Amino acid sequence: MSLDLFLKRFAEQPAGDAVRAEIRSILAAYDTVGPDDLGTYFVTLPHGIAVEFLAQELESDEPFEACAFRIRRRELDARVGEFVLEIARAAQCVILPVMEPFTPILVDPLQAERVPQSMAHRIEELPLCTTGAELAAVLTRAQIRRPNSAFETLST
């Protein structure tokens, strides 16, 4: 079973060529094949885990507003999380995992101001992930960190 993560920019201006170049540079640092006809890149990380990175706008003139990852759930770890965070930081995107409860994940505390209220209405504060281990923990619902607070274990 896979975990789908959408990354969305909530910024006043769309990402320009500098952001595209930074994302291409990140992809070049890994064993990357693609894009295919649908804009999918197949990225193999140094520890052998492969993820699909979907970024159709990366090779076009369209505004770069979003991208996505498809990750096999059993392979989600801190190293995969760090790769996702690299891309999210470069693109200045909020991570929107396809899971319940729906919880936008910040990679920068300043993003909280730009997340639409319709997306953040269910929770008081959006989780902030600054490391791959934190992201993997939040996505597996093991732990969460709110802006300006310590990492805490979620009760189930």
C-alpha atoms as a PDB file:
ATOM      1  CA  MET A   1       0.000   0.000   0.000  1.00  0.00           C
ATOM      2  CA  SER A   2       1.298   3.451  -0.836  1.00  0.00           C
ATOM      3  CA  LEU A   3       1.149   6.750   0.960  1.00  0.00           C
ATOM      4  CA  ASP A   4       0.394   9.737  -1.235  1.00  0.00           C
ATOM      5  CA  LEU A   5       1.751  13.115  -0.195  1.00  0.00           C
ATOM      6  CA  PHE A   6       0.757  16.262  -2.025  1.00  0.00           C
ATOM      7  CA  LEU A   7       2.946  19.331  -1.656  1.00  0.00           C
ATOM      8  CA  LYS A   8       1.236  22.667  -2.253  1.00  0.00           C
ATOM      9  CA  ARG A   9       2.575  26.212  -2.331  1.00  0.00           C
ATOM     10  CA  PHE A  10       0.463  28.719  -0.454  1.00  0.00           C
ATOM     11  CA  ALA A  11       2.455  31.771  -1.485  1.00  0.00           C
ATOM     12  CA  GLU A  12       1.561  35.050  -3.069  1.00  0.00           C
ATOM     13  CA  GLN A  13       3.741  34.362  -6.103  1.00  0.00           C
ATOM     14  CA  PRO A  14       4.174  31.075  -7.995  1.00  0.00           C
ATOM     15  CA  ALA A  15       7.591  29.488  -7.894  1.00  0.00           C
ATOM     16  CA  GLY A  16       9.927  30.678 -10.577  1.00  0.00           C
ATOM     17  CA  ASP A  17      12.904  29.251 -12.409  1.00  0.00           C
ATOM     18  CA  ALA A  18      15.145  29.438  -9.318  1.00  0.00           C
ATOM     19  CA  VAL A  19      12.864  27.018  -7.464  1.00  0.00           C
ATOM     20  CA  ARG A  20      12.735  24.692 -10.467  1.00  0.00           C
ATOM     21  CA  ALA A  21      16.545  24.745 -10.684  1.00  0.00           C
ATOM     22  CA  GLU A  22      16.861  23.973  -6.963  1.00  0.00           C
ATOM     23  CA  ILE A  23      14.478  21.017  -7.235  1.00  0.00           C
ATOM     24  CA  ARG A  24      16.323  19.703 -10.316  1.00  0.00           C
ATOM     25  CA  SER A  25      19.577  20.009  -8.346  1.00  0.00           C
ATOM     26  CA  ILE A  26      18.115  17.946  -5.504  1.00  0.00           C
ATOM     27  CA  LEU A  27      16.949  15.276  -7.952  1.00  0.00           C
ATOM     28  CA  ALA A  28      20.398  15.207  -9.606  1.00  0.00           C
ATOM     29  CA  ALA A  29      21.959  14.320  -6.240  1.00  0.00           C
ATOM     30  CA  TYR A  30      20.092  10.994  -6.288  1.00  0.00           C
ATOM     31  CA  ASP A  31      19.730   8.128  -8.727  1.00  0.00           C
ATOM     32  CA  THR A  32      16.821   9.665 -10.645  1.00  0.00           C
ATOM     33  CA  VAL A  33      15.063   8.426 -13.780  1.00  0.00           C
ATOM     34  CA  GLY A  34      12.556  10.628 -15.535  1.00  0.00           C
ATOM     35  CA  PRO A  35      10.441  12.444 -16.066  1.00  0.00           C
ATOM     36  CA  ASP A  36       8.128  10.121 -17.943  1.00  0.00           C
ATOM     37  CA  ASP A  37       5.268  11.423 -20.126  1.00  0.00           C
ATOM     38  CA  LEU A  38       3.208  12.221 -17.018  1.00  0.00           C
ATOM     39  CA  GLY A  39       5.974  14.108 -15.214  1.00  0.00           C
ATOM     40  CA  THR A  40       6.873  11.272 -12.841  1.00  0.00           C
ATOM     41  CA  TYR A  41      10.425  10.897 -11.585  1.00  0.00           C
ATOM     42  CA  PHE A  42      11.597   7.627 -10.062  1.00  0.00           C
ATOM     43  CA  VAL A  43      14.129   8.425  -7.353  1.00  0.00           C
ATOM     44  CA  THR A  44      16.255   5.790  -5.632  1.00  0.00           C
ATOM     45  CA  LEU A  45      17.728   7.007  -2.360  1.00  0.00           C
ATOM     46  CA  PRO A  46      21.216   5.889  -1.245  1.00  0.00           C
ATOM     47  CA  HIS A  47      19.799   3.201   1.072  1.00  0.00           C
ATOM     48  CA  GLY A  48      17.978   1.576  -1.869  1.00  0.00           C
ATOM     49  CA  ILE A  49      14.428   2.812  -1.221  1.00  0.00           C
ATOM     50  CA  ALA A  50      12.671   4.132  -4.321  1.00  0.00           C
ATOM     51  CA  VAL A  51       9.982   6.803  -4.338  1.00  0.00           C
ATOM     52  CA  GLU A  52       7.878   8.303  -7.090  1.00  0.00           C
ATOM     53  CA  PHE A  53       8.009  12.084  -7.373  1.00  0.00           C
ATOM     54  CA  LEU A  54       5.281  13.607  -9.534  1.00  0.00           C
ATOM     55  CA  ALA A  55       6.095  17.107 -10.782  1.00  0.00           C
ATOM     56  CA  GLN A  56       4.616  17.732 -14.207  1.00  0.00           C
ATOM     57  CA  GLU A  57       5.184  21.506 -13.977  1.00  0.00           C
ATOM     58  CA  LEU A  58       8.907  21.048 -13.305  1.00  0.00           C
ATOM     59  CA  GLU A  59       9.691  20.743 -17.023  1.00  0.00           C
ATOM     60  CA  SER A  60       7.076  23.174 -18.333  1.00  0.00           C
ATOM     61  CA  ASP A  61       6.367  26.881 -18.412  1.00  0.00           C
ATOM     62  CA  GLU A  62       3.318  26.427 -16.184  1.00  0.00           C
ATOM     63  CA  PRO A  63       3.493  27.990 -12.716  1.00  0.00           C
ATOM     64  CA  PHE A  64       4.989  25.519 -10.250  1.00  0.00           C
ATOM     65  CA  GLU A  65       2.307  25.322  -7.567  1.00  0.00           C
ATOM     66  CA  ALA A  66       2.342  21.695  -6.450  1.00  0.00           C
ATOM     67  CA  CYS A  67       3.961  18.290  -6.698  1.00  0.00           C
ATOM     68  CA  ALA A  68       3.411  14.906  -5.085  1.00  0.00           C
ATOM     69  CA  PHE A  69       5.084  11.770  -3.776  1.00  0.00           C
ATOM     70  CA  ARG A  70       3.974   8.174  -3.849  1.00  0.00           C
ATOM     71  CA  ILE A  71       5.804   6.192  -1.185  1.00  0.00           C
ATOM     72  CA  ARG A  72       5.350   2.577  -0.155  1.00  0.00           C
ATOM     73  CA  ARG A  73       4.090   2.888   3.416  1.00  0.00           C
ATOM     74  CA  ARG A  74       6.360   0.127   4.737  1.00  0.00           C
ATOM     75  CA  GLU A  75       9.405   1.987   3.375  1.00  0.00           C
ATOM     76  CA  LEU A  76       8.679   5.310   5.050  1.00  0.00           C
ATOM     77  CA  ASP A  77      11.605   6.151   7.313  1.00  0.00           C
ATOM     78  CA  ALA A  78      13.671   9.163   8.378  1.00  0.00           C
ATOM     79  CA  ARG A  79      15.740   9.096   5.168  1.00  0.00           C
ATOM     80  CA  VAL A  80      12.657   9.131   2.940  1.00  0.00           C
ATOM     81  CA  GLY A  81      11.204  11.851   5.147  1.00  0.00           C
ATOM     82  CA  GLU A  82      14.350  13.938   4.742  1.00  0.00           C
ATOM     83  CA  PHE A  83      14.124  13.687   0.941  1.00  0.00           C
ATOM     84  CA  VAL A  84      10.485  14.828   1.022  1.00  0.00           C
ATOM     85  CA  LEU A  85      11.468  17.723   3.284  1.00  0.00           C
ATOM     86  CA  GLU A  86      14.293  18.734   0.910  1.00  0.00           C
ATOM     87  CA  ILE A  87      11.794  19.112  -1.913  1.00  0.00           C
ATOM     88  CA  ALA A  88       9.154  20.775   0.300  1.00  0.00           C
ATOM     89  CA  ARG A  89      11.647  23.366   1.565  1.00  0.00           C
ATOM     90  CA  ALA A  90      12.969  24.090  -1.919  1.00  0.00           C
ATOM     91  CA  ALA A  91       9.459  24.539  -3.308  1.00  0.00           C
ATOM     92  CA  GLN A  92       8.194  26.296  -0.154  1.00  0.00           C
ATOM     93  CA  CYS A  93       5.342  23.815   0.048  1.00  0.00           C
ATOM     94  CA  VAL A  94       3.088  22.560   2.813  1.00  0.00           C
ATOM     95  CA  ILE A  95       2.809  18.747   2.916  1.00  0.00           C
ATOM     96  CA  LEU A  96      -0.755  17.472   2.494  1.00  0.00           C
ATOM     97  CA  PRO A  97      -0.862  13.733   3.245  1.00  0.00           C
ATOM     98  CA  VAL A  98      -3.788  11.701   1.949  1.00  0.00           C
ATOM     99  CA  MET A  99      -4.861  10.269   5.284  1.00  0.00           C
ATOM    100  CA  GLU A 100      -7.437  10.725   8.005  1.00  0.00           C
ATOM    101  CA  PRO A 101      -7.576  12.847   9.910  1.00  0.00           C
ATOM    102  CA  PHE A 102      -6.411  15.261   7.232  1.00  0.00           C
ATOM    103  CA  THR A 103      -3.556  17.302   8.660  1.00  0.00           C
ATOM    104  CA  PRO A 104      -1.490  19.815   6.662  1.00  0.00           C
ATOM    105  CA  ILE A 105       2.164  19.570   7.738  1.00  0.00           C
ATOM    106  CA  LEU A 106       4.347  22.672   7.857  1.00  0.00           C
ATOM    107  CA  VAL A 107       8.051  22.657   7.009  1.00  0.00           C
ATOM    108  CA  ASP A 108       8.461  26.281   8.111  1.00  0.00           C
ATOM    109  CA  PRO A 109       6.483  27.953  10.923  1.00  0.00           C
ATOM    110  CA  LEU A 110       5.803  30.985   8.708  1.00  0.00           C
ATOM    111  CA  GLN A 111       3.656  28.788   6.440  1.00  0.00           C
ATOM    112  CA  ALA A 112       0.912  28.641   9.099  1.00  0.00           C
ATOM    113  CA  GLU A 113      -0.298  32.101   8.120  1.00  0.00           C
ATOM    114  CA  ARG A 114      -0.878  31.056   4.511  1.00  0.00           C
ATOM    115  CA  VAL A 115      -2.651  27.717   4.903  1.00  0.00           C
ATOM    116  CA  PRO A 116      -6.312  28.312   4.010  1.00  0.00           C
ATOM    117  CA  GLN A 117      -8.656  28.153   7.007  1.00  0.00           C
ATOM    118  CA  SER A 118     -10.742  25.555   5.173  1.00  0.00           C
ATOM    119  CA  MET A 119      -7.759  23.185   5.421  1.00  0.00           C
ATOM    120  CA  ALA A 120      -6.765  23.983   8.974  1.00  0.00           C
ATOM    121  CA  HIS A 121     -10.180  24.247  10.624  1.00  0.00           C
ATOM    122  CA  ARG A 122     -10.086  20.796  12.254  1.00  0.00           C
ATOM    123  CA  ILE A 123      -6.993  21.317  14.382  1.00  0.00           C
ATOM    124  CA  GLU A 124      -5.813  24.134  16.639  1.00  0.00           C
ATOM    125  CA  GLU A 125      -2.222  24.214  15.439  1.00  0.00           C
ATOM    126  CA  LEU A 126      -0.663  22.633  12.398  1.00  0.00           C
ATOM    127  CA  PRO A 127       2.218  20.204  12.981  1.00  0.00           C
ATOM    128  CA  LEU A 128       5.718  21.379  12.100  1.00  0.00           C
ATOM    129  CA  CYS A 129       8.335  18.900  10.850  1.00  0.00           C
ATOM    130  CA  THR A 130      11.968  19.949  10.605  1.00  0.00           C
ATOM    131  CA  THR A 131      13.634  16.538  10.282  1.00  0.00           C
ATOM    132  CA  GLY A 132      12.951  13.412   8.290  1.00  0.00           C
ATOM    133  CA  ALA A 133      12.447  11.454  11.507  1.00  0.00           C
ATOM    134  CA  GLU A 134       9.776  13.914  12.646  1.00  0.00           C
ATOM    135  CA  LEU A 135       7.984  13.689   9.304  1.00  0.00           C
ATOM    136  CA  ALA A 136       8.036   9.886   9.361  1.00  0.00           C
ATOM    137  CA  ALA A 137       6.690   9.935  12.942  1.00  0.00           C
ATOM    138  CA  VAL A 138       3.849  12.318  12.058  1.00  0.00           C
ATOM    139  CA  LEU A 139       2.926  10.315   8.942  1.00  0.00           C
ATOM    140  CA  THR A 140       2.810   7.108  10.953  1.00  0.00           C
ATOM    141  CA  ARG A 141       0.879   8.990  13.653  1.00  0.00           C
ATOM    142  CA  ALA A 142       3.484   8.158  16.293  1.00  0.00           C
ATOM    143  CA  GLN A 143       4.396  11.719  17.270  1.00  0.00           C
ATOM    144  CA  ILE A 144       3.613  15.313  16.465  1.00  0.00           C
ATOM    145  CA  ARG A 145       5.170  18.700  17.153  1.00  0.00           C
ATOM    146  CA  ARG A 146       3.224  21.939  17.191  1.00  0.00           C
ATOM    147  CA  PRO A 147       5.009  25.194  16.385  1.00  0.00           C
ATOM    148  CA  ASN A 148       6.791  26.550  19.494  1.00  0.00           C
ATOM    149  CA  SER A 149       6.463  23.272  21.404  1.00  0.00           C
ATOM    150  CA  ALA A 150       8.318  20.042  22.030  1.00  0.00           C
ATOM    151  CA  PHE A 151       7.734  16.835  20.095  1.00  0.00           C
ATOM    152  CA  GLU A 152       5.016  14.799  21.816  1.00  0.00           C
ATOM    153  CA  THR A 153       3.664  11.292  21.462  1.00  0.00           C
ATOM    154  CA  LEU A 154       0.104  11.095  20.221  1.00  0.00           C
ATOM    155  CA  SER A 155      -2.403   9.151  22.240  1.00  0.00           C
ATOM    156  CA  THR A 156      -4.476   6.683  20.264  1.00  0.00           C
END
